[in-house]
Protein backbone atom coordinates (compact mmCIF):
# COMPACT_ATOMS: atom_id res chain seq x y z
CA MET A 1 0.00 0.00 0.00
CA ASP A 2 1.17 3.50 -0.82
CA PRO A 3 2.02 5.24 2.49
CA SER A 4 0.71 8.54 1.10
CA GLY A 5 -2.78 7.06 0.87
CA GLY A 6 -2.80 7.29 -2.92
CA GLU A 7 -3.12 3.58 -3.61
CA LYS A 8 -4.96 2.95 -6.86
CA ARG A 9 -6.93 -0.09 -7.87
CA ALA A 10 -8.13 -0.87 -11.37
CA PHE A 11 -11.21 -2.96 -12.03
CA MET A 12 -12.03 -4.41 -15.42
CA ALA A 13 -15.42 -5.85 -16.22
CA GLU A 14 -16.76 -7.26 -19.47
CA SER A 15 -20.30 -8.33 -20.14
CA GLU A 16 -21.66 -9.88 -23.31
CA ALA A 17 -25.30 -10.58 -24.09
CA ASP A 18 -27.13 -12.00 -27.09
CA VAL A 19 -30.47 -10.47 -28.03
CA PRO A 20 -32.68 -13.05 -29.75
CA ASP A 21 -35.69 -12.26 -31.92
CA GLY A 22 -38.99 -14.18 -31.79
CA ASP A 23 -37.66 -17.02 -33.98
CA GLY A 24 -34.65 -17.66 -31.78
CA GLN A 25 -32.25 -15.98 -34.18
CA ARG A 26 -29.52 -13.79 -32.79
CA LEU A 27 -30.12 -10.16 -33.75
CA ALA A 28 -27.03 -8.65 -32.18
CA THR A 29 -24.26 -9.24 -29.72
CA THR A 30 -23.61 -6.31 -27.43
CA THR A 31 -20.36 -6.05 -25.54
CA VAL A 32 -19.90 -3.51 -22.78
CA LEU A 33 -16.45 -2.73 -21.46
CA LEU A 34 -16.02 -0.68 -18.33
CA ARG A 35 -12.82 0.31 -16.62
CA VAL A 36 -12.90 2.00 -13.25
CA GLU A 37 -9.84 3.36 -11.53
CA ALA A 38 -10.48 4.00 -7.87
CA ALA A 39 -8.33 5.68 -5.28
CA PRO A 40 -9.44 6.10 -1.65
CA ARG A 41 -9.83 9.87 -2.17
CA PRO A 42 -11.12 11.06 -4.55
CA PHE A 43 -13.03 8.36 -6.40
CA ARG A 44 -12.43 8.39 -10.14
CA ALA A 45 -14.21 6.60 -12.94
CA ARG A 46 -12.61 6.71 -16.34
CA GLY A 47 -13.50 5.39 -19.73
CA ALA A 48 -16.55 3.49 -20.77
CA ALA A 49 -16.94 1.98 -24.21
CA VAL A 50 -20.04 0.40 -25.65
CA ARG A 51 -19.75 -1.60 -28.83
CA ALA A 52 -22.64 -3.23 -30.67
CA SER A 53 -22.39 -5.51 -33.69
CA GLY A 54 -25.11 -7.28 -35.56
């Protein structure tokens, strides 16, 4: 841990979901990427990207 209290932690999360239509066909795959960098003070959130392909 940083003795100055400036310890940073990075969290990466990825979520992918298929969206089917009524016939069970896949319409699109949506991928959401989120990166959060957090320090005890202040809290920071940086960068969010949303990508959709179909």
